[in-house]
PDB file of N, CA and C in Angstrom:
ATOM      1  N   TRP A   1       0.769  -1.148   0.010  1.00  0.00           N
ATOM      2  CA  TRP A   1       0.071   0.040  -0.014  1.00  0.00           C
ATOM      3  C   TRP A   1       0.788   1.062   0.122  1.00  0.00           C
ATOM      4  N   PHE A   2       1.537   1.184  -0.850  1.00  0.00           N
ATOM      5  CA  PHE A   2       2.581   2.437  -1.183  1.00  0.00           C
ATOM      6  C   PHE A   2       2.134   3.359  -1.986  1.00  0.00           C
ATOM      7  N   ASN A   3       1.084   3.481  -2.515  1.00  0.00           N
ATOM      8  CA  ASN A   3       0.683   4.409  -3.578  1.00  0.00           C
ATOM      9  C   ASN A   3       0.750   5.605  -3.476  1.00  0.00           C
ATOM     10  N   ASP A   4       0.185   5.918  -1.553  1.00  0.00           N
ATOM     11  CA  ASP A   4       0.134   7.634  -1.454  1.00  0.00           C
ATOM     12  C   ASP A   4       1.433   7.939  -1.113  1.00  0.00           C
ATOM     13  N   ALA A   5       2.628   7.103  -0.667  1.00  0.00           N
ATOM     14  CA  ALA A   5       4.062   7.496  -0.455  1.00  0.00           C
ATOM     15  C   ALA A   5       4.593   7.867  -1.730  1.00  0.00           C
ATOM     16  N   CYS A   6       4.283   7.186  -2.885  1.00  0.00           N
ATOM     17  CA  CYS A   6       4.813   7.016  -4.618  1.00  0.00           C
ATOM     18  C   CYS A   6       4.181   8.579  -4.726  1.00  0.00           C
ATOM     19  N   ARG A   7       2.793   8.863  -4.614  1.00  0.00           N
ATOM     20  CA  ARG A   7       1.975   9.886  -4.964  1.00  0.00           C
ATOM     21  C   ARG A   7       3.034  11.276  -4.383  1.00  0.00           C
ATOM     22  N   ALA A   8       2.698  11.159  -3.227  1.00  0.00           N
ATOM     23  CA  ALA A   8       3.756  12.565  -2.340  1.00  0.00           C
ATOM     24  C   ALA A   8       4.808  12.495  -3.166  1.00  0.00           C
ATOM     25  N   HIS A   9       5.652  11.630  -3.363  1.00  0.00           N
ATOM     26  CA  HIS A   9       7.079  11.665  -3.316  1.00  0.00           C
ATOM     27  C   HIS A   9       7.392  12.242  -4.894  1.00  0.00           C
ATOM     28  N   ASP A  10       6.133  11.772  -5.659  1.00  0.00           N
ATOM     29  CA  ASP A  10       6.410  12.506  -7.637  1.00  0.00           C
ATOM     30  C   ASP A  10       5.963  13.859  -7.003  1.00  0.00           C
ATOM     31  N   GLU A  11       4.984  14.197  -6.302  1.00  0.00           N
ATOM     32  CA  GLU A  11       4.731  15.649  -6.419  1.00  0.00           C
ATOM     33  C   GLU A  11       5.888  16.238  -5.374  1.00  0.00           C
ATOM     34  N   CYS A  12       6.739  16.009  -4.818  1.00  0.00           N
ATOM     35  CA  CYS A  12       7.817  16.639  -3.944  1.00  0.00           C
ATOM     36  C   CYS A  12       8.979  16.960  -4.953  1.00  0.00           C
ATOM     37  N   LEU A  13       9.084  15.568  -5.766  1.00  0.00           N
ATOM     38  CA  LEU A  13      10.166  15.960  -7.052  1.00  0.00           C
ATOM     39  C   LEU A  13       9.483  16.918  -8.261  1.00  0.00           C
ATOM     40  N   ALA A  14       8.104  16.965  -8.133  1.00  0.00           N
ATOM     41  CA  ALA A  14       8.128  17.917  -9.560  1.00  0.00           C
ATOM     42  C   ALA A  14       8.700  18.867  -9.669  1.00  0.00           C
ATOM     43  N   PRO A  15       8.893  20.036  -8.740  1.00  0.00           N
ATOM     44  CA  PRO A  15       9.460  21.351  -8.926  1.00  0.00           C
ATOM     45  C   PRO A  15      10.729  21.204  -9.445  1.00  0.00           C
ATOM     46  N   LEU A  16      11.532  19.930  -9.224  1.00  0.00           N
ATOM     47  CA  LEU A  16      12.854  19.757  -9.359  1.00  0.00           C
ATOM     48  C   LEU A  16      13.139  19.510 -10.648  1.00  0.00           C
ATOM     49  N   ALA A  17      12.178  19.075 -11.636  1.00  0.00           N
ATOM     50  CA  ALA A  17      12.295  18.427 -12.940  1.00  0.00           C
ATOM     51  C   ALA A  17      13.425  19.068 -13.616  1.00  0.00           C
ATOM     52  N   GLY A  18      14.061  18.627 -13.967  1.00  0.00           N
ATOM     53  CA  GLY A  18      15.366  19.460 -14.771  1.00  0.00           C
ATOM     54  C   GLY A  18      16.762  20.232 -14.370  1.00  0.00           C
ATOM     55  N   VAL A  19      16.237  20.419 -12.691  1.00  0.00           N
ATOM     56  CA  VAL A  19      17.259  20.894 -12.431  1.00  0.00           C
ATOM     57  C   VAL A  19      18.026  20.280 -11.331  1.00  0.00           C
ATOM     58  N   ALA A  20      19.400  20.609 -11.228  1.00  0.00           N
ATOM     59  CA  ALA A  20      20.240  19.983 -10.407  1.00  0.00           C
ATOM     60  C   ALA A  20      20.069  20.117  -8.487  1.00  0.00           C
ATOM     61  N   ASP A  21      19.316  19.439  -8.248  1.00  0.00           N
ATOM     62  CA  ASP A  21      19.271  19.844  -6.771  1.00  0.00           C
ATOM     63  C   ASP A  21      19.567  18.709  -5.657  1.00  0.00           C
ATOM     64  N   PRO A  22      20.472  18.400  -5.532  1.00  0.00           N
ATOM     65  CA  PRO A  22      20.524  17.010  -4.569  1.00  0.00           C
ATOM     66  C   PRO A  22      20.128  17.144  -3.269  1.00  0.00           C
ATOM     67  N   GLU A  23      20.114  18.197  -2.477  1.00  0.00           N
ATOM     68  CA  GLU A  23      19.633  18.729  -1.163  1.00  0.00           C
ATOM     69  C   GLU A  23      18.068  18.158  -1.408  1.00  0.00           C
ATOM     70  N   GLY A  24      17.631  19.067  -2.494  1.00  0.00           N
ATOM     71  CA  GLY A  24      15.766  19.070  -2.334  1.00  0.00           C
ATOM     72  C   GLY A  24      15.515  17.534  -2.823  1.00  0.00           C
ATOM     73  N   ARG A  25      16.317  16.721  -3.663  1.00  0.00           N
ATOM     74  CA  ARG A  25      15.728  15.440  -4.161  1.00  0.00           C
ATOM     75  C   ARG A  25      16.051  14.524  -2.780  1.00  0.00           C
ATOM     76  N   ALA A  26      17.409  14.641  -1.993  1.00  0.00           N
ATOM     77  CA  ALA A  26      17.420  14.276  -0.739  1.00  0.00           C
ATOM     78  C   ALA A  26      16.345  14.044   0.436  1.00  0.00           C
ATOM     79  N   THR A  27      15.993  15.475   0.324  1.00  0.00           N
ATOM     80  CA  THR A  27      14.661  15.792   1.331  1.00  0.00           C
ATOM     81  C   THR A  27      13.553  14.850   0.791  1.00  0.00           C
ATOM     82  N   CYS A  28      13.130  14.915  -0.404  1.00  0.00           N
ATOM     83  CA  CYS A  28      11.983  14.505  -0.974  1.00  0.00           C
ATOM     84  C   CYS A  28      11.988  12.534  -0.787  1.00  0.00           C
ATOM     85  N   ASP A  29      13.765  12.364  -1.035  1.00  0.00           N
ATOM     86  CA  ASP A  29      13.484  11.094  -0.941  1.00  0.00           C
ATOM     87  C   ASP A  29      13.487  10.318   0.539  1.00  0.00           C
ATOM     88  N   ARG A  30      13.880  11.161   1.570  1.00  0.00           N
ATOM     89  CA  ARG A  30      14.086  11.020   2.793  1.00  0.00           C
ATOM     90  C   ARG A  30      12.450  10.916   3.499  1.00  0.00           C
ATOM     91  N   THR A  31      11.562  11.732   2.919  1.00  0.00           N
ATOM     92  CA  THR A  31      10.165  11.987   3.530  1.00  0.00           C
ATOM     93  C   THR A  31       9.645  10.560   2.871  1.00  0.00           C
ATOM     94  N   PHE A  32       9.735  10.177   1.324  1.00  0.00           N
ATOM     95  CA  PHE A  32       9.351   9.060   0.784  1.00  0.00           C
ATOM     96  C   PHE A  32       9.621   7.999   1.737  1.00  0.00           C
ATOM     97  N   PHE A  33      10.971   7.753   2.067  1.00  0.00           N
ATOM     98  CA  PHE A  33      10.968   6.726   3.167  1.00  0.00           C
ATOM     99  C   PHE A  33      10.172   6.528   4.392  1.00  0.00           C
ATOM    100  N   ALA A  34      10.210   7.907   4.912  1.00  0.00           N
ATOM    101  CA  ALA A  34       9.175   7.791   6.326  1.00  0.00           C
ATOM    102  C   ALA A  34       7.738   7.419   6.231  1.00  0.00           C
ATOM    103  N   ASP A  35       7.205   7.936   4.763  1.00  0.00           N
ATOM    104  CA  ASP A  35       5.829   7.472   4.510  1.00  0.00           C
ATOM    105  C   ASP A  35       5.734   6.225   3.809  1.00  0.00           C
ATOM    106  N   LEU A  36       6.774   5.516   3.559  1.00  0.00           N
ATOM    107  CA  LEU A  36       6.656   4.067   3.047  1.00  0.00           C
ATOM    108  C   LEU A  36       6.698   3.397   4.323  1.00  0.00           C
ATOM    109  N   LEU A  37       7.436   3.680   5.263  1.00  0.00           N
ATOM    110  CA  LEU A  37       7.204   2.853   6.641  1.00  0.00           C
ATOM    111  C   LEU A  37       5.966   3.120   7.434  1.00  0.00           C
ATOM    112  N   ALA A  38       5.321   4.426   7.153  1.00  0.00           N
ATOM    113  CA  ALA A  38       3.963   4.610   7.791  1.00  0.00           C
ATOM    114  C   ALA A  38       3.126   4.244   7.058  1.00  0.00           C
ATOM    115  N   ALA A  39       3.075   3.297   5.926  1.00  0.00           N
ATOM    116  CA  ALA A  39       2.262   3.012   5.279  1.00  0.00           C
ATOM    117  C   ALA A  39       1.504   2.008   6.126  1.00  0.00           C
ATOM    118  N   PRO A  40      -0.054   1.779   5.723  1.00  0.00           N
ATOM    119  CA  PRO A  40      -0.794   0.776   6.378  1.00  0.00           C
ATOM    120  C   PRO A  40      -0.328  -0.534   5.796  1.00  0.00           C
ATOM    121  N   HIS A  41      -0.224  -1.398   6.648  1.00  0.00           N
ATOM    122  CA  HIS A  41       0.335  -2.998   6.285  1.00  0.00           C
ATOM    123  C   HIS A  41      -0.769  -3.582   6.167  1.00  0.00           C
ATOM    124  N   ILE A  42      -1.090  -4.467   4.932  1.00  0.00           N
ATOM    125  CA  ILE A  42      -2.553  -4.956   5.011  1.00  0.00           C
ATOM    126  C   ILE A  42      -2.554  -6.124   5.773  1.00  0.00           C
ATOM    127  N   LEU A  43      -1.628  -6.996   5.908  1.00  0.00           N
ATOM    128  CA  LEU A  43      -1.696  -8.122   6.557  1.00  0.00           C
ATOM    129  C   LEU A  43      -1.928  -8.098   8.201  1.00  0.00           C
ATOM    130  N   SER A  44      -0.879  -7.155   8.542  1.00  0.00           N
ATOM    131  CA  SER A  44      -0.858  -7.079  10.083  1.00  0.00           C
ATOM    132  C   SER A  44      -1.856  -5.828  10.535  1.00  0.00           C
ATOM    133  N   GLY A  45      -2.337  -4.702   9.950  1.00  0.00           N
ATOM    134  CA  GLY A  45      -3.361  -3.805  10.177  1.00  0.00           C
ATOM    135  C   GLY A  45      -2.791  -2.734  10.741  1.00  0.00           C
ATOM    136  N   GLY A  46      -1.364  -2.533  10.693  1.00  0.00           N
ATOM    137  CA  GLY A  46      -0.470  -1.593  11.206  1.00  0.00           C
ATOM    138  C   GLY A  46       0.458  -0.778  10.479  1.00  0.00           C
ATOM    139  N   GLU A  47       1.352  -0.334  10.765  1.00  0.00           N
ATOM    140  CA  GLU A  47       2.131   0.389   9.985  1.00  0.00           C
ATOM    141  C   GLU A  47       3.322  -0.446   9.322  1.00  0.00           C
ATOM    142  N   CYS A  48       3.629  -0.188   8.145  1.00  0.00           N
ATOM    143  CA  CYS A  48       4.633  -1.153   7.764  1.00  0.00           C
ATOM    144  C   CYS A  48       6.059  -1.307   8.475  1.00  0.00           C
ATOM    145  N   ARG A  49       6.296  -0.353   9.290  1.00  0.00           N
ATOM    146  CA  ARG A  49       7.379  -0.389   9.839  1.00  0.00           C
ATOM    147  C   ARG A  49       7.082  -1.302  11.130  1.00  0.00           C
ATOM    148  N   ARG A  50       6.123  -1.608  11.560  1.00  0.00           N
ATOM    149  CA  ARG A  50       6.127  -2.930  12.572  1.00  0.00           C
ATOM    150  C   ARG A  50       6.157  -4.226  11.872  1.00  0.00           C
ATOM    151  N   ASP A  51       6.303  -4.113  10.612  1.00  0.00           N
ATOM    152  CA  ASP A  51       6.504  -5.804  10.165  1.00  0.00           C
ATOM    153  C   ASP A  51       7.786  -5.954   9.325  1.00  0.00           C
ATOM    154  N   GLY A  52       8.674  -6.755   9.798  1.00  0.00           N
ATOM    155  CA  GLY A  52       9.756  -6.725   9.047  1.00  0.00           C
ATOM    156  C   GLY A  52       9.684  -6.926   7.784  1.00  0.00           C
ATOM    157  N   ALA A  53       9.325  -7.878   7.196  1.00  0.00           N
ATOM    158  CA  ALA A  53       8.872  -8.057   5.367  1.00  0.00           C
ATOM    159  C   ALA A  53       8.955  -6.811   4.868  1.00  0.00           C
ATOM    160  N   CYS A  54       7.417  -6.037   5.417  1.00  0.00           N
ATOM    161  CA  CYS A  54       7.306  -4.849   4.721  1.00  0.00           C
ATOM    162  C   CYS A  54       8.296  -3.920   4.797  1.00  0.00           C
ATOM    163  N   SER A  55       9.021  -3.597   6.151  1.00  0.00           N
ATOM    164  CA  SER A  55       9.988  -2.608   6.162  1.00  0.00           C
ATOM    165  C   SER A  55      11.303  -2.712   5.125  1.00  0.00           C
ATOM    166  N   ARG A  56      11.615  -3.975   5.126  1.00  0.00           N
ATOM    167  CA  ARG A  56      12.551  -4.422   4.276  1.00  0.00           C
ATOM    168  C   ARG A  56      12.285  -3.977   2.892  1.00  0.00           C
ATOM    169  N   ILE A  57      11.085  -4.195   2.508  1.00  0.00           N
ATOM    170  CA  ILE A  57      10.902  -3.987   1.089  1.00  0.00           C
ATOM    171  C   ILE A  57      10.703  -2.401   0.997  1.00  0.00           C
ATOM    172  N   ALA A  58      10.254  -1.672   2.115  1.00  0.00           N
ATOM    173  CA  ALA A  58      10.302  -0.184   1.790  1.00  0.00           C
ATOM    174  C   ALA A  58      11.691   0.074   1.378  1.00  0.00           C
ATOM    175  N   TYR A  59      12.630  -0.466   2.472  1.00  0.00           N
ATOM    176  CA  TYR A  59      14.309   0.046   2.333  1.00  0.00           C
ATOM    177  C   TYR A  59      14.430  -0.200   0.973  1.00  0.00           C
ATOM    178  N   ILE A  60      14.102  -1.475   0.316  1.00  0.00           N
ATOM    179  CA  ILE A  60      14.439  -1.650  -1.131  1.00  0.00           C
ATOM    180  C   ILE A  60      14.003  -0.504  -2.417  1.00  0.00           C
ATOM    181  N   TYR A  61      12.659  -0.399  -2.281  1.00  0.00           N
ATOM    182  CA  TYR A  61      12.025   0.995  -2.575  1.00  0.00           C
ATOM    183  C   TYR A  61      12.765   2.170  -2.765  1.00  0.00           C
ATOM    184  N   PHE A  62      12.996   2.495  -1.159  1.00  0.00           N
ATOM    185  CA  PHE A  62      13.801   3.593  -0.868  1.00  0.00           C
ATOM    186  C   PHE A  62      15.188   3.593  -1.611  1.00  0.00           C
ATOM    187  N   ALA A  63      15.862   2.636  -1.560  1.00  0.00           N
ATOM    188  CA  ALA A  63      17.471   2.420  -1.858  1.00  0.00           C
ATOM    189  C   ALA A  63      17.426   2.624  -3.403  1.00  0.00           C
ATOM    190  N   VAL A  64      16.700   1.974  -3.976  1.00  0.00           N
ATOM    191  CA  VAL A  64      16.319   2.300  -5.667  1.00  0.00           C
ATOM    192  C   VAL A  64      16.257   3.534  -5.964  1.00  0.00           C
ATOM    193  N   VAL A  65      14.999   4.155  -5.367  1.00  0.00           N
ATOM    194  CA  VAL A  65      14.777   5.674  -5.497  1.00  0.00           C
ATOM    195  C   VAL A  65      15.953   6.843  -5.133  1.00  0.00           C
ATOM    196  N   ARG A  66      16.673   6.678  -4.044  1.00  0.00           N
ATOM    197  CA  ARG A  66      17.640   7.166  -3.709  1.00  0.00           C
ATOM    198  C   ARG A  66      18.885   7.127  -4.654  1.00  0.00           C
ATOM    199  N   PHE A  67      19.046   6.035  -5.217  1.00  0.00           N
ATOM    200  CA  PHE A  67      20.358   5.763  -6.334  1.00  0.00           C
ATOM    201  C   PHE A  67      19.910   6.269  -7.429  1.00  0.00           C
ATOM    202  N   THR A  68      18.558   6.262  -8.147  1.00  0.00           N
ATOM    203  CA  THR A  68      17.843   6.834  -9.082  1.00  0.00           C
ATOM    204  C   THR A  68      18.241   8.522  -8.931  1.00  0.00           C
ATOM    205  N   SER A  69      17.799   9.033  -7.894  1.00  0.00           N
ATOM    206  CA  SER A  69      17.959  10.479  -7.707  1.00  0.00           C
ATOM    207  C   SER A  69      19.247  11.138  -7.726  1.00  0.00           C
ATOM    208  N   ARG A  70      20.257  10.519  -7.008  1.00  0.00           N
ATOM    209  CA  ARG A  70      21.664  10.472  -7.232  1.00  0.00           C
ATOM    210  C   ARG A  70      22.173  10.503  -8.798  1.00  0.00           C
ATOM    211  N   LEU A  71      21.659   9.623  -9.729  1.00  0.00           N
ATOM    212  CA  LEU A  71      22.256   9.449 -11.074  1.00  0.00           C
ATOM    213  C   LEU A  71      21.251  10.906 -11.857  1.00  0.00           C
ATOM    214  N   VAL A  72      20.166  11.304 -11.647  1.00  0.00           N
ATOM    215  CA  VAL A  72      19.885  12.225 -12.253  1.00  0.00           C
ATOM    216  C   VAL A  72      20.405  13.494 -12.025  1.00  0.00           C
ATOM    217  N   ASP A  73      20.804  13.653 -10.767  1.00  0.00           N
ATOM    218  CA  ASP A  73      21.541  14.990 -10.292  1.00  0.00           C
ATOM    219  C   ASP A  73      22.864  14.919 -10.945  1.00  0.00           C
ATOM    220  N   ALA A  74      23.569  13.738 -11.190  1.00  0.00           N
ATOM    221  CA  ALA A  74      24.683  13.726 -11.831  1.00  0.00           C
ATOM    222  C   ALA A  74      24.724  13.937 -13.087  1.00  0.00           C
ATOM    223  N   SER A  75      23.663  13.512 -13.878  1.00  0.00           N
ATOM    224  CA  SER A  75      23.516  13.908 -14.984  1.00  0.00           C
ATOM    225  C   SER A  75      22.978  15.469 -15.724  1.00  0.00           C
ATOM    226  N   LEU A  76      22.310  16.101 -14.542  1.00  0.00           N
ATOM    227  CA  LEU A  76      21.999  17.527 -14.602  1.00  0.00           C
ATOM    228  C   LEU A  76      22.955  18.452 -14.622  1.00  0.00           C
ATOM    229  N   ALA A  77      24.146  17.626 -13.674  1.00  0.00           N
ATOM    230  CA  ALA A  77      25.085  18.715 -13.363  1.00  0.00           C
ATOM    231  C   ALA A  77      26.304  18.453 -14.321  1.00  0.00           C
ATOM    232  N   ALA A  78      26.288  17.142 -15.055  1.00  0.00           N
ATOM    233  CA  ALA A  78      27.544  17.312 -16.469  1.00  0.00           C
ATOM    234  C   ALA A  78      27.363  18.055 -17.194  1.00  0.00           C
ATOM    235  N   PRO A  79      28.765  18.764 -17.609  1.00  0.00           N
ATOM    236  CA  PRO A  79      28.768  19.661 -18.662  1.00  0.00           C
ATOM    237  C   PRO A  79      27.934  19.286 -19.549  1.00  0.00           C
ATOM    238  N   PRO A  80      27.382  20.366 -20.683  1.00  0.00           N
ATOM    239  CA  PRO A  80      26.811  19.507 -21.968  1.00  0.00           C
ATOM    240  C   PRO A  80      27.889  18.856 -22.942  1.00  0.00           C
ATOM    241  N   GLY A  81      27.664  17.896 -23.492  1.00  0.00           N
ATOM    242  CA  GLY A  81      28.129  16.792 -24.294  1.00  0.00           C
ATOM    243  C   GLY A  81      28.760  15.904 -23.214  1.00  0.00           C
ATOM    244  N   GLY A  82      28.423  15.679 -21.914  1.00  0.00           N
ATOM    245  CA  GLY A  82      28.976  14.669 -21.245  1.00  0.00           C
ATOM    246  C   GLY A  82      30.310  14.912 -20.505  1.00  0.00           C
ATOM    247  N   ARG A  83      30.543  14.149 -19.802  1.00  0.00           N
ATOM    248  CA  ARG A  83      31.941  14.062 -19.130  1.00  0.00           C
ATOM    249  C   ARG A  83      33.123  13.921 -20.254  1.00  0.00           C
ATOM    250  N   GLY A  84      34.331  15.112 -20.038  1.00  0.00           N
ATOM    251  CA  GLY A  84      35.515  14.555 -20.811  1.00  0.00           C
ATOM    252  C   GLY A  84      35.273  15.638 -22.104  1.00  0.00           C
ATOM    253  N   GLY A  85      34.211  15.649 -22.608  1.00  0.00           N
ATOM    254  CA  GLY A  85      33.924  16.490 -23.636  1.00  0.00           C
ATOM    255  C   GLY A  85      34.470  16.050 -25.088  1.00  0.00           C
ATOM    256  N   ARG A  86      34.534  14.500 -25.430  1.00  0.00           N
ATOM    257  CA  ARG A  86      35.316  14.231 -26.604  1.00  0.00           C
ATOM    258  C   ARG A  86      34.511  14.422 -27.834  1.00  0.00           C
TER     259      ARG A  86
END
């Protein structure tokens, strides 16, 4: 049940589209992780953070998103024509 966390993350990142802003993306990503952990867990009836499997899945989602954010910022910060300018 991560739909709300994903939607909020997308909305947080929308103003950063096309802009190299590592701190802004990191803030969105950290909030995303907190929202994932607070998401309702369908099987336990509580928050995702209270279920080991769910919290591990949430961490994997966060790790992939965080890695992708770093790639986006690196590509936006690269000089025109890429690195090295061959």
